Amino acid sequence: MAIVTRQPSAGLVVHTDQGSQYASNDYLALLAKHEITASMSGRGNCYDNAVMERFFLNLKMERVWQTHYANHQEAVKDISHYIVAF
């Protein structure tokens, strides 16, 4: 979604934790295709990812846990709006 909406220039660095989805060949190939550099947090170093951890905590506290969604589609729309507008 970020690649399509933001169209980043070559050289962007994307920082993630060491989740398997971020280490997958498909994900890394997508980044390489768009000339994006992958950066992963160090194992056991929570400070590497503190900003994103805080963002997702705020998302849950301010939006997800405070809202009763009628269905999955409504949740996706609302959460996407929160992220884009943040």
PDB file of N, CA and C in Angstrom:
ATOM      1  N   MET A   1       0.823  -1.182   0.000  1.00  0.00           N
ATOM      2  CA  MET A   1       0.000   0.000   0.000  1.00  0.00           C
ATOM      3  C   MET A   1       0.875   1.257   0.000  1.00  0.00           C
ATOM      4  N   ALA A   2       1.918   1.257   0.802  1.00  0.00           N
ATOM      5  CA  ALA A   2       2.800   2.423   0.872  1.00  0.00           C
ATOM      6  C   ALA A   2       3.505   2.661  -0.460  1.00  0.00           C
ATOM      7  N   ILE A   3       3.899   1.607  -1.130  1.00  0.00           N
ATOM      8  CA  ILE A   3       4.584   1.756  -2.416  1.00  0.00           C
ATOM      9  C   ILE A   3       3.641   2.373  -3.442  1.00  0.00           C
ATOM     10  N   VAL A   4       2.411   1.905  -3.486  1.00  0.00           N
ATOM     11  CA  VAL A   4       1.441   2.411  -4.461  1.00  0.00           C
ATOM     12  C   VAL A   4       1.048   3.850  -4.164  1.00  0.00           C
ATOM     13  N   THR A   5       0.751   4.154  -2.896  1.00  0.00           N
ATOM     14  CA  THR A   5       0.249   5.486  -2.571  1.00  0.00           C
ATOM     15  C   THR A   5       1.347   6.550  -2.493  1.00  0.00           C
ATOM     16  N   ARG A   6       2.513   6.166  -2.008  1.00  0.00           N
ATOM     17  CA  ARG A   6       3.586   7.164  -1.811  1.00  0.00           C
ATOM     18  C   ARG A   6       4.603   7.199  -2.938  1.00  0.00           C
ATOM     19  N   GLN A   7       4.730   6.098  -3.679  1.00  0.00           N
ATOM     20  CA  GLN A   7       5.697   5.989  -4.772  1.00  0.00           C
ATOM     21  C   GLN A   7       7.073   6.509  -4.362  1.00  0.00           C
ATOM     22  N   PRO A   8       7.685   5.854  -3.376  1.00  0.00           N
ATOM     23  CA  PRO A   8       8.975   6.342  -2.871  1.00  0.00           C
ATOM     24  C   PRO A   8      10.086   6.234  -3.907  1.00  0.00           C
ATOM     25  N   SER A   9      11.019   7.146  -3.811  1.00  0.00           N
ATOM     26  CA  SER A   9      12.171   7.099  -4.713  1.00  0.00           C
ATOM     27  C   SER A   9      13.146   6.031  -4.231  1.00  0.00           C
ATOM     28  N   ALA A  10      14.031   5.635  -5.116  1.00  0.00           N
ATOM     29  CA  ALA A  10      15.032   4.618  -4.786  1.00  0.00           C
ATOM     30  C   ALA A  10      15.853   5.071  -3.587  1.00  0.00           C
ATOM     31  N   GLY A  11      16.224   4.122  -2.748  1.00  0.00           N
ATOM     32  CA  GLY A  11      17.054   4.432  -1.598  1.00  0.00           C
ATOM     33  C   GLY A  11      16.317   4.500  -0.275  1.00  0.00           C
ATOM     34  N   LEU A  12      14.986   4.387  -0.319  1.00  0.00           N
ATOM     35  CA  LEU A  12      14.207   4.375   0.920  1.00  0.00           C
ATOM     36  C   LEU A  12      14.652   3.206   1.795  1.00  0.00           C
ATOM     37  N   VAL A  13      14.733   3.423   3.099  1.00  0.00           N
ATOM     38  CA  VAL A  13      15.064   2.369   4.053  1.00  0.00           C
ATOM     39  C   VAL A  13      13.808   2.060   4.857  1.00  0.00           C
ATOM     40  N   VAL A  14      13.408   0.783   4.874  1.00  0.00           N
ATOM     41  CA  VAL A  14      12.235   0.336   5.621  1.00  0.00           C
ATOM     42  C   VAL A  14      12.730  -0.473   6.814  1.00  0.00           C
ATOM     43  N   HIS A  15      12.392  -0.019   8.011  1.00  0.00           N
ATOM     44  CA  HIS A  15      12.839  -0.690   9.227  1.00  0.00           C
ATOM     45  C   HIS A  15      11.719  -1.543   9.809  1.00  0.00           C
ATOM     46  N   THR A  16      12.018  -2.801  10.103  1.00  0.00           N
ATOM     47  CA  THR A  16      11.035  -3.721  10.677  1.00  0.00           C
ATOM     48  C   THR A  16      11.676  -4.534  11.798  1.00  0.00           C
ATOM     49  N   ASP A  17      10.822  -5.315  12.464  1.00  0.00           N
ATOM     50  CA  ASP A  17      11.370  -6.283  13.410  1.00  0.00           C
ATOM     51  C   ASP A  17      11.777  -7.532  12.625  1.00  0.00           C
ATOM     52  N   GLN A  18      12.125  -8.610  13.330  1.00  0.00           N
ATOM     53  CA  GLN A  18      12.620  -9.802  12.650  1.00  0.00           C
ATOM     54  C   GLN A  18      11.523 -10.825  12.375  1.00  0.00           C
ATOM     55  N   GLY A  19      10.301 -10.359  12.201  1.00  0.00           N
ATOM     56  CA  GLY A  19       9.201 -11.263  11.888  1.00  0.00           C
ATOM     57  C   GLY A  19       9.448 -12.019  10.592  1.00  0.00           C
ATOM     58  N   SER A  20       8.935 -13.237  10.520  1.00  0.00           N
ATOM     59  CA  SER A  20       9.183 -14.084   9.351  1.00  0.00           C
ATOM     60  C   SER A  20       8.648 -13.459   8.066  1.00  0.00           C
ATOM     61  N   GLN A  21       7.556 -12.683   8.165  1.00  0.00           N
ATOM     62  CA  GLN A  21       7.007 -12.058   6.955  1.00  0.00           C
ATOM     63  C   GLN A  21       7.986 -11.060   6.357  1.00  0.00           C
ATOM     64  N   TYR A  22       8.818 -10.428   7.185  1.00  0.00           N
ATOM     65  CA  TYR A  22       9.774  -9.441   6.702  1.00  0.00           C
ATOM     66  C   TYR A  22      11.069 -10.075   6.202  1.00  0.00           C
ATOM     67  N   ALA A  23      11.291 -11.317   6.539  1.00  0.00           N
ATOM     68  CA  ALA A  23      12.478 -12.033   6.081  1.00  0.00           C
ATOM     69  C   ALA A  23      12.166 -12.931   4.884  1.00  0.00           C
ATOM     70  N   SER A  24      10.894 -12.966   4.479  1.00  0.00           N
ATOM     71  CA  SER A  24      10.492 -13.860   3.385  1.00  0.00           C
ATOM     72  C   SER A  24      11.083 -13.398   2.053  1.00  0.00           C
ATOM     73  N   ASN A  25      11.297 -14.354   1.180  1.00  0.00           N
ATOM     74  CA  ASN A  25      11.842 -14.042  -0.149  1.00  0.00           C
ATOM     75  C   ASN A  25      10.901 -13.133  -0.933  1.00  0.00           C
ATOM     76  N   ASP A  26       9.600 -13.350  -0.827  1.00  0.00           N
ATOM     77  CA  ASP A  26       8.632 -12.521  -1.561  1.00  0.00           C
ATOM     78  C   ASP A  26       8.719 -11.055  -1.128  1.00  0.00           C
ATOM     79  N   TYR A  27       8.767 -10.834   0.174  1.00  0.00           N
ATOM     80  CA  TYR A  27       8.834  -9.471   0.706  1.00  0.00           C
ATOM     81  C   TYR A  27      10.131  -8.789   0.284  1.00  0.00           C
ATOM     82  N   LEU A  28      11.249  -9.491   0.442  1.00  0.00           N
ATOM     83  CA  LEU A  28      12.549  -8.918   0.081  1.00  0.00           C
ATOM     84  C   LEU A  28      12.649  -8.664  -1.419  1.00  0.00           C
ATOM     85  N   ALA A  29      12.031  -9.534  -2.234  1.00  0.00           N
ATOM     86  CA  ALA A  29      12.024  -9.327  -3.684  1.00  0.00           C
ATOM     87  C   ALA A  29      11.210  -8.082  -4.047  1.00  0.00           C
ATOM     88  N   LEU A  30      10.098  -7.869  -3.357  1.00  0.00           N
ATOM     89  CA  LEU A  30       9.280  -6.679  -3.595  1.00  0.00           C
ATOM     90  C   LEU A  30      10.077  -5.416  -3.285  1.00  0.00           C
ATOM     91  N   LEU A  31      10.786  -5.421  -2.146  1.00  0.00           N
ATOM     92  CA  LEU A  31      11.609  -4.268  -1.800  1.00  0.00           C
ATOM     93  C   LEU A  31      12.699  -4.037  -2.845  1.00  0.00           C
ATOM     94  N   ALA A  32      13.359  -5.110  -3.259  1.00  0.00           N
ATOM     95  CA  ALA A  32      14.438  -4.996  -4.248  1.00  0.00           C
ATOM     96  C   ALA A  32      13.912  -4.452  -5.577  1.00  0.00           C
ATOM     97  N   LYS A  33      12.724  -4.912  -5.972  1.00  0.00           N
ATOM     98  CA  LYS A  33      12.111  -4.448  -7.223  1.00  0.00           C
ATOM     99  C   LYS A  33      11.925  -2.930  -7.222  1.00  0.00           C
ATOM    100  N   HIS A  34      11.629  -2.372  -6.051  1.00  0.00           N
ATOM    101  CA  HIS A  34      11.400  -0.934  -5.934  1.00  0.00           C
ATOM    102  C   HIS A  34      12.608  -0.188  -5.377  1.00  0.00           C
ATOM    103  N   GLU A  35      13.760  -0.873  -5.323  1.00  0.00           N
ATOM    104  CA  GLU A  35      15.018  -0.292  -4.843  1.00  0.00           C
ATOM    105  C   GLU A  35      14.891   0.272  -3.431  1.00  0.00           C
ATOM    106  N   ILE A  36      14.228  -0.510  -2.586  1.00  0.00           N
ATOM    107  CA  ILE A  36      14.045  -0.161  -1.175  1.00  0.00           C
ATOM    108  C   ILE A  36      14.955  -1.064  -0.356  1.00  0.00           C
ATOM    109  N   THR A  37      15.633  -0.500   0.625  1.00  0.00           N
ATOM    110  CA  THR A  37      16.552  -1.251   1.474  1.00  0.00           C
ATOM    111  C   THR A  37      15.841  -1.709   2.740  1.00  0.00           C
ATOM    112  N   ALA A  38      15.988  -2.991   3.053  1.00  0.00           N
ATOM    113  CA  ALA A  38      15.399  -3.546   4.271  1.00  0.00           C
ATOM    114  C   ALA A  38      16.355  -3.348   5.442  1.00  0.00           C
ATOM    115  N   SER A  39      15.817  -2.957   6.589  1.00  0.00           N
ATOM    116  CA  SER A  39      16.587  -2.810   7.818  1.00  0.00           C
ATOM    117  C   SER A  39      15.803  -3.514   8.911  1.00  0.00           C
ATOM    118  N   MET A  40      16.447  -4.413   9.626  1.00  0.00           N
ATOM    119  CA  MET A  40      15.769  -5.148  10.697  1.00  0.00           C
ATOM    120  C   MET A  40      16.354  -4.803  12.045  1.00  0.00           C
ATOM    121  N   SER A  41      15.487  -4.809  13.037  1.00  0.00           N
ATOM    122  CA  SER A  41      15.933  -4.559  14.402  1.00  0.00           C
ATOM    123  C   SER A  41      16.843  -5.683  14.869  1.00  0.00           C
ATOM    124  N   GLY A  42      17.684  -5.380  15.824  1.00  0.00           N
ATOM    125  CA  GLY A  42      18.548  -6.394  16.391  1.00  0.00           C
ATOM    126  C   GLY A  42      17.759  -7.338  17.283  1.00  0.00           C
ATOM    127  N   ARG A  43      18.143  -8.567  17.323  1.00  0.00           N
ATOM    128  CA  ARG A  43      17.447  -9.562  18.132  1.00  0.00           C
ATOM    129  C   ARG A  43      17.491  -9.148  19.604  1.00  0.00           C
ATOM    130  N   GLY A  44      16.313  -9.065  20.199  1.00  0.00           N
ATOM    131  CA  GLY A  44      16.219  -8.739  21.615  1.00  0.00           C
ATOM    132  C   GLY A  44      16.409  -7.265  21.943  1.00  0.00           C
ATOM    133  N   ASN A  45      16.501  -6.413  20.930  1.00  0.00           N
ATOM    134  CA  ASN A  45      16.698  -4.987  21.177  1.00  0.00           C
ATOM    135  C   ASN A  45      15.389  -4.246  20.910  1.00  0.00           C
ATOM    136  N   CYS A  46      14.598  -4.058  21.936  1.00  0.00           N
ATOM    137  CA  CYS A  46      13.273  -3.447  21.770  1.00  0.00           C
ATOM    138  C   CYS A  46      13.353  -1.985  21.356  1.00  0.00           C
ATOM    139  N   TYR A  47      14.470  -1.326  21.593  1.00  0.00           N
ATOM    140  CA  TYR A  47      14.581   0.097  21.262  1.00  0.00           C
ATOM    141  C   TYR A  47      14.689   0.347  19.767  1.00  0.00           C
ATOM    142  N   ASP A  48      15.143  -0.644  19.005  1.00  0.00           N
ATOM    143  CA  ASP A  48      15.229  -0.497  17.555  1.00  0.00           C
ATOM    144  C   ASP A  48      13.869  -0.199  16.936  1.00  0.00           C
ATOM    145  N   ASN A  49      12.837  -0.760  17.519  1.00  0.00           N
ATOM    146  CA  ASN A  49      11.509  -0.674  16.914  1.00  0.00           C
ATOM    147  C   ASN A  49      10.535   0.110  17.801  1.00  0.00           C
ATOM    148  N   ALA A  50      11.036   0.888  18.718  1.00  0.00           N
ATOM    149  CA  ALA A  50      10.193   1.548  19.714  1.00  0.00           C
ATOM    150  C   ALA A  50       9.159   2.494  19.101  1.00  0.00           C
ATOM    151  N   VAL A  51       9.519   3.213  18.066  1.00  0.00           N
ATOM    152  CA  VAL A  51       8.582   4.166  17.463  1.00  0.00           C
ATOM    153  C   VAL A  51       7.379   3.439  16.871  1.00  0.00           C
ATOM    154  N   MET A  52       7.634   2.368  16.127  1.00  0.00           N
ATOM    155  CA  MET A  52       6.520   1.627  15.528  1.00  0.00           C
ATOM    156  C   MET A  52       5.709   0.889  16.589  1.00  0.00           C
ATOM    157  N   GLU A  53       6.375   0.358  17.607  1.00  0.00           N
ATOM    158  CA  GLU A  53       5.652  -0.309  18.692  1.00  0.00           C
ATOM    159  C   GLU A  53       4.686   0.674  19.350  1.00  0.00           C
ATOM    160  N   ARG A  54       5.142   1.899  19.552  1.00  0.00           N
ATOM    161  CA  ARG A  54       4.293   2.918  20.172  1.00  0.00           C
ATOM    162  C   ARG A  54       3.134   3.304  19.256  1.00  0.00           C
ATOM    163  N   PHE A  55       3.410   3.435  17.962  1.00  0.00           N
ATOM    164  CA  PHE A  55       2.350   3.756  17.014  1.00  0.00           C
ATOM    165  C   PHE A  55       1.242   2.706  17.063  1.00  0.00           C
ATOM    166  N   PHE A  56       1.629   1.434  17.005  1.00  0.00           N
ATOM    167  CA  PHE A  56       0.614   0.379  17.000  1.00  0.00           C
ATOM    168  C   PHE A  56      -0.098   0.266  18.342  1.00  0.00           C
ATOM    169  N   LEU A  57       0.576   0.565  19.431  1.00  0.00           N
ATOM    170  CA  LEU A  57      -0.102   0.604  20.728  1.00  0.00           C
ATOM    171  C   LEU A  57      -1.150   1.717  20.725  1.00  0.00           C
ATOM    172  N   ASN A  58      -0.780   2.895  20.223  1.00  0.00           N
ATOM    173  CA  ASN A  58      -1.741   3.998  20.139  1.00  0.00           C
ATOM    174  C   ASN A  58      -2.914   3.639  19.234  1.00  0.00           C
ATOM    175  N   LEU A  59      -2.640   3.009  18.109  1.00  0.00           N
ATOM    176  CA  LEU A  59      -3.701   2.584  17.201  1.00  0.00           C
ATOM    177  C   LEU A  59      -4.696   1.683  17.924  1.00  0.00           C
ATOM    178  N   LYS A  60      -4.184   0.723  18.658  1.00  0.00           N
ATOM    179  CA  LYS A  60      -5.065  -0.193  19.391  1.00  0.00           C
ATOM    180  C   LYS A  60      -5.837   0.528  20.489  1.00  0.00           C
ATOM    181  N   MET A  61      -5.133   1.349  21.264  1.00  0.00           N
ATOM    182  CA  MET A  61      -5.775   2.013  22.401  1.00  0.00           C
ATOM    183  C   MET A  61      -6.775   3.078  21.963  1.00  0.00           C
ATOM    184  N   GLU A  62      -6.415   3.876  20.973  1.00  0.00           N
ATOM    185  CA  GLU A  62      -7.257   5.001  20.572  1.00  0.00           C
ATOM    186  C   GLU A  62      -8.360   4.618  19.595  1.00  0.00           C
ATOM    187  N   ARG A  63      -8.162   3.533  18.861  1.00  0.00           N
ATOM    188  CA  ARG A  63      -9.125   3.223  17.815  1.00  0.00           C
ATOM    189  C   ARG A  63      -9.710   1.816  17.940  1.00  0.00           C
ATOM    190  N   VAL A  64      -8.889   0.806  17.821  1.00  0.00           N
ATOM    191  CA  VAL A  64      -9.391  -0.564  17.719  1.00  0.00           C
ATOM    192  C   VAL A  64     -10.148  -0.989  18.969  1.00  0.00           C
ATOM    193  N   TRP A  65      -9.576  -0.770  20.137  1.00  0.00           N
ATOM    194  CA  TRP A  65     -10.223  -1.218  21.370  1.00  0.00           C
ATOM    195  C   TRP A  65     -11.406  -0.339  21.773  1.00  0.00           C
ATOM    196  N   GLN A  66     -11.544   0.835  21.135  1.00  0.00           N
ATOM    197  CA  GLN A  66     -12.640   1.757  21.456  1.00  0.00           C
ATOM    198  C   GLN A  66     -13.806   1.662  20.469  1.00  0.00           C
ATOM    199  N   THR A  67     -13.641   0.870  19.420  1.00  0.00           N
ATOM    200  CA  THR A  67     -14.625   0.821  18.336  1.00  0.00           C
ATOM    201  C   THR A  67     -15.191  -0.580  18.189  1.00  0.00           C
ATOM    202  N   HIS A  68     -16.483  -0.659  17.968  1.00  0.00           N
ATOM    203  CA  HIS A  68     -17.145  -1.934  17.697  1.00  0.00           C
ATOM    204  C   HIS A  68     -17.459  -1.972  16.206  1.00  0.00           C
ATOM    205  N   TYR A  69     -16.711  -2.768  15.471  1.00  0.00           N
ATOM    206  CA  TYR A  69     -16.877  -2.853  14.024  1.00  0.00           C
ATOM    207  C   TYR A  69     -17.958  -3.867  13.678  1.00  0.00           C
ATOM    208  N   ALA A  70     -18.790  -3.523  12.700  1.00  0.00           N
ATOM    209  CA  ALA A  70     -19.858  -4.417  12.261  1.00  0.00           C
ATOM    210  C   ALA A  70     -19.309  -5.608  11.492  1.00  0.00           C
ATOM    211  N   ASN A  71     -18.193  -5.386  10.788  1.00  0.00           N
ATOM    212  CA  ASN A  71     -17.602  -6.469   9.993  1.00  0.00           C
ATOM    213  C   ASN A  71     -16.135  -6.141   9.696  1.00  0.00           C
ATOM    214  N   HIS A  72     -15.474  -7.084   9.065  1.00  0.00           N
ATOM    215  CA  HIS A  72     -14.042  -6.940   8.761  1.00  0.00           C
ATOM    216  C   HIS A  72     -13.794  -5.751   7.827  1.00  0.00           C
ATOM    217  N   GLN A  73     -14.637  -5.589   6.825  1.00  0.00           N
ATOM    218  CA  GLN A  73     -14.463  -4.505   5.854  1.00  0.00           C
ATOM    219  C   GLN A  73     -14.526  -3.133   6.532  1.00  0.00           C
ATOM    220  N   GLU A  74     -15.438  -2.986   7.462  1.00  0.00           N
ATOM    221  CA  GLU A  74     -15.550  -1.722   8.193  1.00  0.00           C
ATOM    222  C   GLU A  74     -14.290  -1.453   9.015  1.00  0.00           C
ATOM    223  N   ALA A  75     -13.757  -2.505   9.635  1.00  0.00           N
ATOM    224  CA  ALA A  75     -12.531  -2.367  10.423  1.00  0.00           C
ATOM    225  C   ALA A  75     -11.355  -1.972   9.540  1.00  0.00           C
ATOM    226  N   VAL A  76     -11.219  -2.615   8.395  1.00  0.00           N
ATOM    227  CA  VAL A  76     -10.122  -2.300   7.472  1.00  0.00           C
ATOM    228  C   VAL A  76     -10.211  -0.845   7.019  1.00  0.00           C
ATOM    229  N   LYS A  77     -11.400  -0.398   6.672  1.00  0.00           N
ATOM    230  CA  LYS A  77     -11.584   0.985   6.215  1.00  0.00           C
ATOM    231  C   LYS A  77     -11.225   1.991   7.307  1.00  0.00           C
ATOM    232  N   ASP A  78     -11.695   1.741   8.517  1.00  0.00           N
ATOM    233  CA  ASP A  78     -11.439   2.660   9.610  1.00  0.00           C
ATOM    234  C   ASP A  78      -9.967   2.683  10.021  1.00  0.00           C
ATOM    235  N   ILE A  79      -9.363   1.533  10.125  1.00  0.00           N
ATOM    236  CA  ILE A  79      -7.961   1.438  10.528  1.00  0.00           C
ATOM    237  C   ILE A  79      -7.059   2.020   9.437  1.00  0.00           C
ATOM    238  N   SER A  80      -7.386   1.770   8.178  1.00  0.00           N
ATOM    239  CA  SER A  80      -6.615   2.362   7.072  1.00  0.00           C
ATOM    240  C   SER A  80      -6.685   3.880   7.126  1.00  0.00           C
ATOM    241  N   HIS A  81      -7.868   4.412   7.388  1.00  0.00           N
ATOM    242  CA  HIS A  81      -8.018   5.866   7.495  1.00  0.00           C
ATOM    243  C   HIS A  81      -7.180   6.408   8.656  1.00  0.00           C
ATOM    244  N   TYR A  82      -7.190   5.720   9.796  1.00  0.00           N
ATOM    245  CA  TYR A  82      -6.395   6.141  10.945  1.00  0.00           C
ATOM    246  C   TYR A  82      -4.917   6.201  10.580  1.00  0.00           C
ATOM    247  N   ILE A  83      -4.431   5.158   9.905  1.00  0.00           N
ATOM    248  CA  ILE A  83      -3.009   5.091   9.559  1.00  0.00           C
ATOM    249  C   ILE A  83      -2.630   6.173   8.563  1.00  0.00           C
ATOM    250  N   VAL A  84      -3.433   6.362   7.534  1.00  0.00           N
ATOM    251  CA  VAL A  84      -3.123   7.350   6.508  1.00  0.00           C
ATOM    252  C   VAL A  84      -3.221   8.777   7.077  1.00  0.00           C
ATOM    253  N   ALA A  85      -4.225   9.015   7.911  1.00  0.00           N
ATOM    254  CA  ALA A  85      -4.423  10.344   8.475  1.00  0.00           C
ATOM    255  C   ALA A  85      -3.444  10.664   9.604  1.00  0.00           C
ATOM    256  N   PHE A  86      -2.849   9.621  10.217  1.00  0.00           N
ATOM    257  CA  PHE A  86      -1.911   9.805  11.327  1.00  0.00           C
ATOM    258  C   PHE A  86      -0.716  10.583  10.839  1.00  0.00           C
TER     259      PHE A  86
END
